């Protein structure tokens, strides 16, 4: 199958791009592992125009349904390689299947950043998690901790505050970076306690996580007993495919794009959280916008 456009990434940027591509009459395919991307892990979205409040999973389902309704093809698989050819690209999946496309839009987004401390890898899935929406249910009436001070960390704290017995939000600075909306929600829940100016240096347990070692004393001890730890310290761009194609990256490994989404490589565009666009403001609305802008440029390319 030869496509006009292969969209690699099924998050808001990729799905928005697909909607616009279909409306422009471009035969397109969306390739990804989870429709909706990281939005599926979001407890609540409250800043998407037209929806005062919507769960991330519901938003992802609606977005996928919208793109499919306009005729886009979907391939839920991982791309392991892209080969540049005279008149386009061959895209190779992990099961060795292949498709061909005249143009490519990379919208692979970001991945969770890790603490890189002793015990993190050993207790992944045994008390350490990177998705409060996915795993919060397992900590009903238990004690949980979260590392981070951004919107994701604060949102996770609010979500878990409705499930767990106690929530500790551990942040290395003296003030949360989260939006005022989330800060007020934290302050309104007496089950959430913020521990400032503190880092987790080790994760300790036997069969599962039991306690966290801190770099300073809290309540007279440098250990904190907890049943679960949710890591929300930011995101790094997924650049494997960009590196294979020798696409230009900036000093933080984000794909450099022009105002229309073009990269330095002919017939390749990029959109969403993986790019230098939108002042690196990682929001659903900016990702969706970049997807739309890139496809407008791709449409002109075909004309």
C-alpha atoms as a PDB file:
ATOM      1  CA  UNK A   1       0.000   0.000   0.000  1.00  0.00           C
ATOM      2  CA  UNK A   2       1.317   3.430  -0.971  1.00  0.00           C
ATOM      3  CA  UNK A   3       0.114   6.299   1.192  1.00  0.00           C
ATOM      4  CA  UNK A   4       0.350   9.995   0.548  1.00  0.00           C
ATOM      5  CA  UNK A   5       1.198  10.497   4.208  1.00  0.00           C
ATOM      6  CA  UNK A   6       2.350   8.208   7.011  1.00  0.00           C
ATOM      7  CA  UNK A   7       1.776   9.741  10.431  1.00  0.00           C
ATOM      8  CA  UNK A   8       4.048   8.125  12.997  1.00  0.00           C
ATOM      9  CA  UNK A   9       2.523   8.788  16.391  1.00  0.00           C
ATOM     10  CA  UNK A  10      -1.080   8.449  17.541  1.00  0.00           C
ATOM     11  CA  UNK A  11      -1.292  11.232  20.106  1.00  0.00           C
ATOM     12  CA  UNK A  12      -3.087  14.574  19.688  1.00  0.00           C
ATOM     13  CA  UNK A  13      -0.582  15.802  17.074  1.00  0.00           C
ATOM     14  CA  UNK A  14      -0.876  12.673  14.955  1.00  0.00           C
ATOM     15  CA  UNK A  15      -4.647  12.342  15.240  1.00  0.00           C
ATOM     16  CA  UNK A  16      -5.214  16.029  14.491  1.00  0.00           C
ATOM     17  CA  UNK A  17      -2.907  15.704  11.478  1.00  0.00           C
ATOM     18  CA  UNK A  18      -4.918  12.728  10.264  1.00  0.00           C
ATOM     19  CA  UNK A  19      -8.196  14.641  10.478  1.00  0.00           C
ATOM     20  CA  UNK A  20      -6.769  17.475   8.397  1.00  0.00           C
ATOM     21  CA  UNK A  21      -5.066  15.115   5.956  1.00  0.00           C
ATOM     22  CA  UNK A  22      -8.329  13.289   5.268  1.00  0.00           C
ATOM     23  CA  UNK A  23     -10.149  16.568   4.769  1.00  0.00           C
ATOM     24  CA  UNK A  24      -7.445  17.647   2.295  1.00  0.00           C
ATOM     25  CA  UNK A  25      -7.949  14.391   0.413  1.00  0.00           C
ATOM     26  CA  UNK A  26      -4.612  12.831   1.350  1.00  0.00           C
ATOM     27  CA  UNK A  27      -4.588   9.059   1.825  1.00  0.00           C
ATOM     28  CA  UNK A  28      -3.064   8.705   5.274  1.00  0.00           C
ATOM     29  CA  UNK A  29      -2.252   6.119   7.902  1.00  0.00           C
ATOM     30  CA  UNK A  30      -1.757   6.687  11.637  1.00  0.00           C
ATOM     31  CA  UNK A  31       0.903   4.468  13.191  1.00  0.00           C
ATOM     32  CA  UNK A  32       1.305   4.094  16.925  1.00  0.00           C
ATOM     33  CA  UNK A  33       1.034   1.760  19.875  1.00  0.00           C
ATOM     34  CA  UNK A  34      -1.743   3.464  21.853  1.00  0.00           C
ATOM     35  CA  UNK A  35      -4.352   5.732  20.207  1.00  0.00           C
ATOM     36  CA  UNK A  36      -4.228   8.977  22.147  1.00  0.00           C
ATOM     37  CA  UNK A  37      -0.648   8.535  23.326  1.00  0.00           C
ATOM     38  CA  UNK A  38       0.116   9.871  26.796  1.00  0.00           C
ATOM     39  CA  UNK A  39      -3.278  11.588  26.997  1.00  0.00           C
ATOM     40  CA  UNK A  40      -4.717   8.181  27.904  1.00  0.00           C
ATOM     41  CA  UNK A  41      -2.788   8.458  31.185  1.00  0.00           C
ATOM     42  CA  UNK A  42      -4.226  11.871  32.070  1.00  0.00           C
ATOM     43  CA  UNK A  43      -6.741  11.826  34.879  1.00  0.00           C
ATOM     44  CA  UNK A  44      -8.548  14.972  33.788  1.00  0.00           C
ATOM     45  CA  UNK A  45      -8.257  17.492  30.966  1.00  0.00           C
ATOM     46  CA  UNK A  46      -9.765  20.858  31.825  1.00  0.00           C
ATOM     47  CA  UNK A  47      -8.298  23.207  29.220  1.00  0.00           C
ATOM     48  CA  UNK A  48      -9.481  21.726  25.915  1.00  0.00           C
ATOM     49  CA  UNK A  49     -11.851  24.235  24.338  1.00  0.00           C
ATOM     50  CA  UNK A  50     -15.435  22.986  24.348  1.00  0.00           C
ATOM     51  CA  UNK A  51     -14.964  20.383  27.082  1.00  0.00           C
ATOM     52  CA  UNK A  52     -14.977  21.848  30.586  1.00  0.00           C
ATOM     53  CA  UNK A  53     -13.786  18.513  31.920  1.00  0.00           C
ATOM     54  CA  UNK A  54     -12.952  15.238  30.189  1.00  0.00           C
ATOM     55  CA  UNK A  55     -10.939  12.177  31.180  1.00  0.00           C
ATOM     56  CA  UNK A  56      -7.815  11.608  29.121  1.00  0.00           C
ATOM     57  CA  UNK A  57      -8.935   8.149  28.037  1.00  0.00           C
ATOM     58  CA  UNK A  58     -12.298   9.504  26.838  1.00  0.00           C
ATOM     59  CA  UNK A  59     -10.566  12.299  24.944  1.00  0.00           C
ATOM     60  CA  UNK A  60      -8.297   9.777  23.229  1.00  0.00           C
ATOM     61  CA  UNK A  61     -11.214   7.574  22.196  1.00  0.00           C
ATOM     62  CA  UNK A  62     -13.143  10.523  20.762  1.00  0.00           C
ATOM     63  CA  UNK A  63     -10.072  11.693  18.841  1.00  0.00           C
ATOM     64  CA  UNK A  64      -9.404   8.241  17.394  1.00  0.00           C
ATOM     65  CA  UNK A  65     -13.052   7.841  16.387  1.00  0.00           C
ATOM     66  CA  UNK A  66     -12.994  11.250  14.684  1.00  0.00           C
ATOM     67  CA  UNK A  67      -9.906  10.394  12.620  1.00  0.00           C
ATOM     68  CA  UNK A  68     -11.280   6.979  11.625  1.00  0.00           C
ATOM     69  CA  UNK A  69     -14.635   8.461  10.628  1.00  0.00           C
ATOM     70  CA  UNK A  70     -12.917  10.458   7.889  1.00  0.00           C
ATOM     71  CA  UNK A  71     -11.277   7.400   6.364  1.00  0.00           C
ATOM     72  CA  UNK A  72      -7.799   7.196   7.905  1.00  0.00           C
ATOM     73  CA  UNK A  73      -6.141   3.820   8.220  1.00  0.00           C
ATOM     74  CA  UNK A  74      -4.628   2.801  11.554  1.00  0.00           C
ATOM     75  CA  UNK A  75      -1.711   0.502  12.320  1.00  0.00           C
ATOM     76  CA  UNK A  76      -1.102  -0.208  15.997  1.00  0.00           C
ATOM     77  CA  UNK A  77       2.511  -1.286  15.846  1.00  0.00           C
ATOM     78  CA  UNK A  78       6.018  -0.008  16.467  1.00  0.00           C
ATOM     79  CA  UNK A  79       8.121   1.414  13.667  1.00  0.00           C
ATOM     80  CA  UNK A  80      11.674   0.091  13.912  1.00  0.00           C
ATOM     81  CA  UNK A  81      13.129   1.580  10.747  1.00  0.00           C
ATOM     82  CA  UNK A  82      12.469   3.981   7.876  1.00  0.00           C
ATOM     83  CA  UNK A  83      14.290   3.687   4.562  1.00  0.00           C
ATOM     84  CA  UNK A  84      14.518   6.689   2.249  1.00  0.00           C
ATOM     85  CA  UNK A  85      13.902   5.841  -1.384  1.00  0.00           C
ATOM     86  CA  UNK A  86      13.796   7.748  -4.662  1.00  0.00           C
ATOM     87  CA  UNK A  87      10.089   8.580  -4.453  1.00  0.00           C
ATOM     88  CA  UNK A  88       9.277   8.258  -0.795  1.00  0.00           C
ATOM     89  CA  UNK A  89       9.879   5.969   2.145  1.00  0.00           C
ATOM     90  CA  UNK A  90       9.543   2.346   3.219  1.00  0.00           C
ATOM     91  CA  UNK A  91       8.353   2.038   6.815  1.00  0.00           C
ATOM     92  CA  UNK A  92       9.252  -1.189   8.595  1.00  0.00           C
ATOM     93  CA  UNK A  93       7.335  -2.479  11.634  1.00  0.00           C
ATOM     94  CA  UNK A  94       8.506  -4.654  14.509  1.00  0.00           C
ATOM     95  CA  UNK A  95       6.762  -7.682  12.933  1.00  0.00           C
ATOM     96  CA  UNK A  96       8.701  -7.008   9.692  1.00  0.00           C
ATOM     97  CA  UNK A  97       5.622  -5.810   7.788  1.00  0.00           C
ATOM     98  CA  UNK A  98       6.204  -2.831   5.510  1.00  0.00           C
ATOM     99  CA  UNK A  99       4.252   0.021   3.988  1.00  0.00           C
ATOM    100  CA  UNK A 100       5.294   2.822   1.654  1.00  0.00           C
ATOM    101  CA  UNK A 101       4.533   6.520   1.883  1.00  0.00           C
ATOM    102  CA  UNK A 102       5.338   9.592  -0.174  1.00  0.00           C
ATOM    103  CA  UNK A 103       5.689  11.830   2.899  1.00  0.00           C
ATOM    104  CA  UNK A 104       6.139  11.341   6.633  1.00  0.00           C
ATOM    105  CA  UNK A 105       4.986  13.246   9.679  1.00  0.00           C
ATOM    106  CA  UNK A 106       6.852  12.346  12.875  1.00  0.00           C
ATOM    107  CA  UNK A 107       4.654  12.891  15.925  1.00  0.00           C
ATOM    108  CA  UNK A 108       6.153  10.376  18.339  1.00  0.00           C
ATOM    109  CA  UNK A 109       5.892  12.711  21.308  1.00  0.00           C
ATOM    110  CA  UNK A 110       7.686  12.111  24.571  1.00  0.00           C
ATOM    111  CA  UNK A 111       8.370   9.413  27.140  1.00  0.00           C
ATOM    112  CA  UNK A 112       8.469   9.498  30.931  1.00  0.00           C
ATOM    113  CA  UNK A 113      11.712  10.620  32.517  1.00  0.00           C
ATOM    114  CA  UNK A 114      13.133   8.300  35.189  1.00  0.00           C
ATOM    115  CA  UNK A 115      14.752   9.130  38.509  1.00  0.00           C
ATOM    116  CA  UNK A 116      17.782   6.935  37.746  1.00  0.00           C
ATOM    117  CA  UNK A 117      18.249   5.972  41.405  1.00  0.00           C
ATOM    118  CA  UNK A 118      18.887   2.608  43.114  1.00  0.00           C
ATOM    119  CA  UNK A 119      15.768   0.451  43.288  1.00  0.00           C
ATOM    120  CA  UNK A 120      13.795   2.218  40.564  1.00  0.00           C
ATOM    121  CA  UNK A 121      14.273  -0.442  37.926  1.00  0.00           C
ATOM    122  CA  UNK A 122      13.972  -3.326  40.388  1.00  0.00           C
ATOM    123  CA  UNK A 123      10.619  -2.137  41.745  1.00  0.00           C
ATOM    124  CA  UNK A 124       9.050  -1.000  38.461  1.00  0.00           C
ATOM    125  CA  UNK A 125       5.611  -2.608  38.523  1.00  0.00           C
ATOM    126  CA  UNK A 126       6.183  -3.592  42.153  1.00  0.00           C
ATOM    127  CA  UNK A 127       5.316  -0.254  43.662  1.00  0.00           C
ATOM    128  CA  UNK A 128       6.972   2.127  41.205  1.00  0.00           C
ATOM    129  CA  UNK A 129       4.713   3.537  38.499  1.00  0.00           C
ATOM    130  CA  UNK A 130       4.710   6.305  35.903  1.00  0.00           C
ATOM    131  CA  UNK A 131       0.933   6.524  35.460  1.00  0.00           C
ATOM    132  CA  UNK A 132      -1.397   7.429  38.324  1.00  0.00           C
ATOM    133  CA  UNK A 133      -4.460   7.060  36.120  1.00  0.00           C
ATOM    134  CA  UNK A 134      -3.427   3.539  35.092  1.00  0.00           C
ATOM    135  CA  UNK A 135      -2.340   2.210  38.477  1.00  0.00           C
ATOM    136  CA  UNK A 136      -4.000   4.429  41.082  1.00  0.00           C
ATOM    137  CA  UNK A 137      -6.846   1.959  41.637  1.00  0.00           C
ATOM    138  CA  UNK A 138      -4.411  -0.556  43.158  1.00  0.00           C
ATOM    139  CA  UNK A 139      -3.631   1.832  46.023  1.00  0.00           C
ATOM    140  CA  UNK A 140      -7.086   2.292  47.446  1.00  0.00           C
ATOM    141  CA  UNK A 141      -6.816   3.218  51.145  1.00  0.00           C
ATOM    142  CA  UNK A 142      -2.999   2.888  51.028  1.00  0.00           C
ATOM    143  CA  UNK A 143      -0.126   5.338  51.397  1.00  0.00           C
ATOM    144  CA  UNK A 144       1.384   6.640  48.161  1.00  0.00           C
ATOM    145  CA  UNK A 145       4.098   9.093  47.201  1.00  0.00           C
ATOM    146  CA  UNK A 146       4.673  11.191  44.094  1.00  0.00           C
ATOM    147  CA  UNK A 147       7.915  12.801  42.960  1.00  0.00           C
ATOM    148  CA  UNK A 148       7.590  16.006  40.970  1.00  0.00           C
ATOM    149  CA  UNK A 149       6.204  19.526  41.042  1.00  0.00           C
ATOM    150  CA  UNK A 150       4.729  20.012  37.561  1.00  0.00           C
ATOM    151  CA  UNK A 151       1.128  19.816  36.370  1.00  0.00           C
ATOM    152  CA  UNK A 152       1.346  16.058  35.886  1.00  0.00           C
ATOM    153  CA  UNK A 153       2.613  15.531  39.421  1.00  0.00           C
ATOM    154  CA  UNK A 154      -0.021  17.816  40.909  1.00  0.00           C
ATOM    155  CA  UNK A 155      -2.791  16.213  38.845  1.00  0.00           C
ATOM    156  CA  UNK A 156      -1.632  12.775  39.973  1.00  0.00           C
ATOM    157  CA  UNK A 157      -1.721  13.948  43.593  1.00  0.00           C
ATOM    158  CA  UNK A 158      -5.297  15.191  43.238  1.00  0.00           C
ATOM    159  CA  UNK A 159      -6.356  11.974  41.502  1.00  0.00           C
ATOM    160  CA  UNK A 160      -4.728   9.758  44.114  1.00  0.00           C
ATOM    161  CA  UNK A 161      -6.124  11.957  46.881  1.00  0.00           C
ATOM    162  CA  UNK A 162      -9.544  10.552  45.976  1.00  0.00           C
ATOM    163  CA  UNK A 163      -8.288   6.962  46.221  1.00  0.00           C
ATOM    164  CA  UNK A 164      -5.458   6.578  48.724  1.00  0.00           C
ATOM    165  CA  UNK A 165      -5.451   7.026  52.481  1.00  0.00           C
ATOM    166  CA  UNK A 166      -2.477   9.416  52.349  1.00  0.00           C
ATOM    167  CA  UNK A 167      -0.568  11.124  49.534  1.00  0.00           C
ATOM    168  CA  UNK A 168       2.936  12.582  49.842  1.00  0.00           C
ATOM    169  CA  UNK A 169       4.025  14.934  47.063  1.00  0.00           C
ATOM    170  CA  UNK A 170       7.832  15.196  47.166  1.00  0.00           C
ATOM    171  CA  UNK A 171       9.444  18.094  45.318  1.00  0.00           C
ATOM    172  CA  UNK A 172      13.051  19.216  45.162  1.00  0.00           C
ATOM    173  CA  UNK A 173      12.247  22.948  45.219  1.00  0.00           C
ATOM    174  CA  UNK A 174      10.385  25.208  47.637  1.00  0.00           C
ATOM    175  CA  UNK A 175       7.403  25.945  45.392  1.00  0.00           C
ATOM    176  CA  UNK A 176       5.377  23.796  42.972  1.00  0.00           C
ATOM    177  CA  UNK A 177       5.619  24.603  39.256  1.00  0.00           C
ATOM    178  CA  UNK A 178       2.039  23.461  38.667  1.00  0.00           C
ATOM    179  CA  UNK A 179      -0.750  25.788  37.549  1.00  0.00           C
ATOM    180  CA  UNK A 180      -2.659  27.600  40.250  1.00  0.00           C
ATOM    181  CA  UNK A 181      -5.711  25.415  39.550  1.00  0.00           C
ATOM    182  CA  UNK A 182      -3.837  22.297  40.675  1.00  0.00           C
ATOM    183  CA  UNK A 183      -2.158  24.017  43.620  1.00  0.00           C
ATOM    184  CA  UNK A 184      -5.532  25.084  44.998  1.00  0.00           C
ATOM    185  CA  UNK A 185      -6.920  21.575  44.512  1.00  0.00           C
ATOM    186  CA  UNK A 186      -4.000  20.163  46.504  1.00  0.00           C
ATOM    187  CA  UNK A 187      -4.487  22.680  49.286  1.00  0.00           C
ATOM    188  CA  UNK A 188      -8.176  21.752  49.481  1.00  0.00           C
ATOM    189  CA  UNK A 189      -7.446  18.060  50.123  1.00  0.00           C
ATOM    190  CA  UNK A 190      -6.135  17.355  53.630  1.00  0.00           C
ATOM    191  CA  UNK A 191      -4.985  13.879  52.577  1.00  0.00           C
ATOM    192  CA  UNK A 192      -2.257  15.425  50.401  1.00  0.00           C
ATOM    193  CA  UNK A 193       0.950  16.579  52.069  1.00  0.00           C
ATOM    194  CA  UNK A 194       3.717  18.355  50.140  1.00  0.00           C
ATOM    195  CA  UNK A 195       7.333  17.755  51.176  1.00  0.00           C
ATOM    196  CA  UNK A 196       9.484  20.557  49.759  1.00  0.00           C
ATOM    197  CA  UNK A 197      13.236  20.852  49.170  1.00  0.00           C
ATOM    198  CA  UNK A 198      13.634  17.082  49.214  1.00  0.00           C
ATOM    199  CA  UNK A 199      14.843  14.379  46.812  1.00  0.00           C
ATOM    200  CA  UNK A 200      14.256  10.638  46.809  1.00  0.00           C
ATOM    201  CA  UNK A 201      17.687   8.973  46.643  1.00  0.00           C
ATOM    202  CA  UNK A 202      16.805   5.271  46.912  1.00  0.00           C
ATOM    203  CA  UNK A 203      13.812   2.944  46.653  1.00  0.00           C
ATOM    204  CA  UNK A 204      13.852   0.134  49.211  1.00  0.00           C
ATOM    205  CA  UNK A 205      11.852  -3.033  49.788  1.00  0.00           C
ATOM    206  CA  UNK A 206      11.806  -6.824  49.743  1.00  0.00           C
ATOM    207  CA  UNK A 207       9.287  -8.310  47.304  1.00  0.00           C
ATOM    208  CA  UNK A 208       7.761  -4.883  46.717  1.00  0.00           C
ATOM    209  CA  UNK A 209       8.384  -1.228  47.551  1.00  0.00           C
ATOM    210  CA  UNK A 210       8.323  -0.480  51.269  1.00  0.00           C
ATOM    211  CA  UNK A 211      10.044   2.851  51.837  1.00  0.00           C
ATOM    212  CA  UNK A 212      11.931   5.719  50.241  1.00  0.00           C
ATOM    213  CA  UNK A 213      15.263   7.118  51.331  1.00  0.00           C
ATOM    214  CA  UNK A 214      15.281  10.930  51.367  1.00  0.00           C
ATOM    215  CA  UNK A 215      18.236  13.303  51.158  1.00  0.00           C
ATOM    216  CA  UNK A 216      17.053  15.195  54.246  1.00  0.00           C
ATOM    217  CA  UNK A 217      15.050  14.343  57.337  1.00  0.00           C
ATOM    218  CA  UNK A 218      11.280  14.505  57.320  1.00  0.00           C
ATOM    219  CA  UNK A 219       9.423  14.125  60.631  1.00  0.00           C
ATOM    220  CA  UNK A 220      12.667  13.098  62.299  1.00  0.00           C
ATOM    221  CA  UNK A 221      13.693  10.394  59.800  1.00  0.00           C
ATOM    222  CA  UNK A 222      15.359  10.193  56.417  1.00  0.00           C
ATOM    223  CA  UNK A 223      13.072   7.343  55.315  1.00  0.00           C
ATOM    224  CA  UNK A 224       9.443   7.600  54.258  1.00  0.00           C
ATOM    225  CA  UNK A 225       7.204   4.520  54.464  1.00  0.00           C
ATOM    226  CA  UNK A 226       4.963   4.173  51.424  1.00  0.00           C
ATOM    227  CA  UNK A 227       3.125   1.530  49.403  1.00  0.00           C
ATOM    228  CA  UNK A 228       3.628   3.140  46.026  1.00  0.00           C
ATOM    229  CA  UNK A 229       5.741   5.712  44.232  1.00  0.00           C
ATOM    230  CA  UNK A 230       4.578   7.616  41.147  1.00  0.00           C
ATOM    231  CA  UNK A 231       7.351   9.319  39.182  1.00  0.00           C
ATOM    232  CA  UNK A 232       6.218  12.555  37.505  1.00  0.00           C
ATOM    233  CA  UNK A 233       9.432  14.502  36.863  1.00  0.00           C
ATOM    234  CA  UNK A 234       8.986  15.414  33.231  1.00  0.00           C
ATOM    235  CA  UNK A 235       9.324  13.982  29.750  1.00  0.00           C
ATOM    236  CA  UNK A 236      12.026  13.367  27.156  1.00  0.00           C
ATOM    237  CA  UNK A 237      11.467  13.336  23.365  1.00  0.00           C
ATOM    238  CA  UNK A 238      11.236  10.001  21.517  1.00  0.00           C
ATOM    239  CA  UNK A 239      13.999  10.551  18.969  1.00  0.00           C
ATOM    240  CA  UNK A 240      14.990   7.056  17.775  1.00  0.00           C
ATOM    241  CA  UNK A 241      13.413   7.459  14.335  1.00  0.00           C
ATOM    242  CA  UNK A 242      14.608  11.033  13.951  1.00  0.00           C
ATOM    243  CA  UNK A 243      18.158   9.890  14.608  1.00  0.00           C
ATOM    244  CA  UNK A 244      17.861   7.060  12.072  1.00  0.00           C
ATOM    245  CA  UNK A 245      16.850   9.630   9.454  1.00  0.00           C
ATOM    246  CA  UNK A 246      19.572  12.127  10.489  1.00  0.00           C
ATOM    247  CA  UNK A 247      17.022  14.817  11.229  1.00  0.00           C
ATOM    248  CA  UNK A 248      18.411  17.922  12.913  1.00  0.00           C
ATOM    249  CA  UNK A 249      17.852  18.089  16.680  1.00  0.00           C
ATOM    250  CA  UNK A 250      18.457  20.926  19.117  1.00  0.00           C
ATOM    251  CA  UNK A 251      20.654  20.720  22.223  1.00  0.00           C
ATOM    252  CA  UNK A 252      17.803  19.111  24.192  1.00  0.00           C
ATOM    253  CA  UNK A 253      17.128  16.499  21.477  1.00  0.00           C
ATOM    254  CA  UNK A 254      13.920  18.063  20.156  1.00  0.00           C
ATOM    255  CA  UNK A 255      13.340  17.988  16.399  1.00  0.00           C
ATOM    256  CA  UNK A 256      14.063  21.350  14.811  1.00  0.00           C
ATOM    257  CA  UNK A 257      11.160  22.475  12.643  1.00  0.00           C
ATOM    258  CA  UNK A 258      10.337  25.483  10.525  1.00  0.00           C
ATOM    259  CA  UNK A 259       7.128  27.413  11.130  1.00  0.00           C
ATOM    260  CA  UNK A 260       5.244  25.075   8.769  1.00  0.00           C
ATOM    261  CA  UNK A 261       6.478  21.897  10.501  1.00  0.00           C
ATOM    262  CA  UNK A 262       9.141  21.000   7.942  1.00  0.00           C
ATOM    263  CA  UNK A 263      12.355  19.347   9.098  1.00  0.00           C
ATOM    264  CA  UNK A 264      15.727  19.545   7.367  1.00  0.00           C
ATOM    265  CA  UNK A 265      14.912  16.327   5.484  1.00  0.00           C
ATOM    266  CA  UNK A 266      12.904  16.522   2.271  1.00  0.00           C
ATOM    267  CA  UNK A 267       9.359  15.134   2.537  1.00  0.00           C
ATOM    268  CA  UNK A 268       9.534  14.830   6.337  1.00  0.00           C
ATOM    269  CA  UNK A 269       7.587  17.008   8.758  1.00  0.00           C
ATOM    270  CA  UNK A 270       7.253  16.827  12.543  1.00  0.00           C
ATOM    271  CA  UNK A 271       4.626  17.971  15.031  1.00  0.00           C
ATOM    272  CA  UNK A 272       3.754  17.915  18.707  1.00  0.00           C
ATOM    273  CA  UNK A 273       5.746  17.546  21.892  1.00  0.00           C
ATOM    274  CA  UNK A 274       8.792  16.171  20.066  1.00  0.00           C
ATOM    275  CA  UNK A 275       9.478  19.457  18.225  1.00  0.00           C
ATOM    276  CA  UNK A 276      10.969  22.870  18.928  1.00  0.00           C
ATOM    277  CA  UNK A 277       7.623  24.400  17.897  1.00  0.00           C
ATOM    278  CA  UNK A 278       5.137  26.208  20.153  1.00  0.00           C
ATOM    279  CA  UNK A 279       8.001  27.370  22.378  1.00  0.00           C
ATOM    280  CA  UNK A 280       8.136  23.735  23.632  1.00  0.00           C
ATOM    281  CA  UNK A 281       4.847  24.344  25.442  1.00  0.00           C
ATOM    282  CA  UNK A 282       3.680  20.740  25.851  1.00  0.00           C
ATOM    283  CA  UNK A 283      -0.096  20.962  25.667  1.00  0.00           C
ATOM    284  CA  UNK A 284      -2.782  19.071  23.793  1.00  0.00           C
ATOM    285  CA  UNK A 285      -3.861  22.244  22.020  1.00  0.00           C
ATOM    286  CA  UNK A 286      -0.341  23.066  20.783  1.00  0.00           C
ATOM    287  CA  UNK A 287       0.294  19.490  19.632  1.00  0.00           C
ATOM    288  CA  UNK A 288      -3.000  19.409  17.749  1.00  0.00           C
ATOM    289  CA  UNK A 289      -2.236  22.798  16.199  1.00  0.00           C
ATOM    290  CA  UNK A 290       1.204  21.711  15.010  1.00  0.00           C
ATOM    291  CA  UNK A 291      -0.333  18.615  13.431  1.00  0.00           C
ATOM    292  CA  UNK A 292      -2.817  20.757  11.527  1.00  0.00           C
ATOM    293  CA  UNK A 293      -0.165  23.271  10.416  1.00  0.00           C
ATOM    294  CA  UNK A 294       2.161  20.517   9.180  1.00  0.00           C
ATOM    295  CA  UNK A 295      -0.577  18.902   7.094  1.00  0.00           C
ATOM    296  CA  UNK A 296      -1.488  22.252   5.542  1.00  0.00           C
ATOM    297  CA  UNK A 297       2.127  22.438   4.412  1.00  0.00           C
ATOM    298  CA  UNK A 298       2.085  18.831   3.188  1.00  0.00           C
ATOM    299  CA  UNK A 299      -1.045  19.567   1.171  1.00  0.00           C
ATOM    300  CA  UNK A 300       0.737  22.463  -0.527  1.00  0.00           C
ATOM    301  CA  UNK A 301       3.684  20.161  -1.203  1.00  0.00           C
ATOM    302  CA  UNK A 302       1.444  17.803  -3.174  1.00  0.00           C
ATOM    303  CA  UNK A 303      -0.110  20.666  -5.108  1.00  0.00           C
END
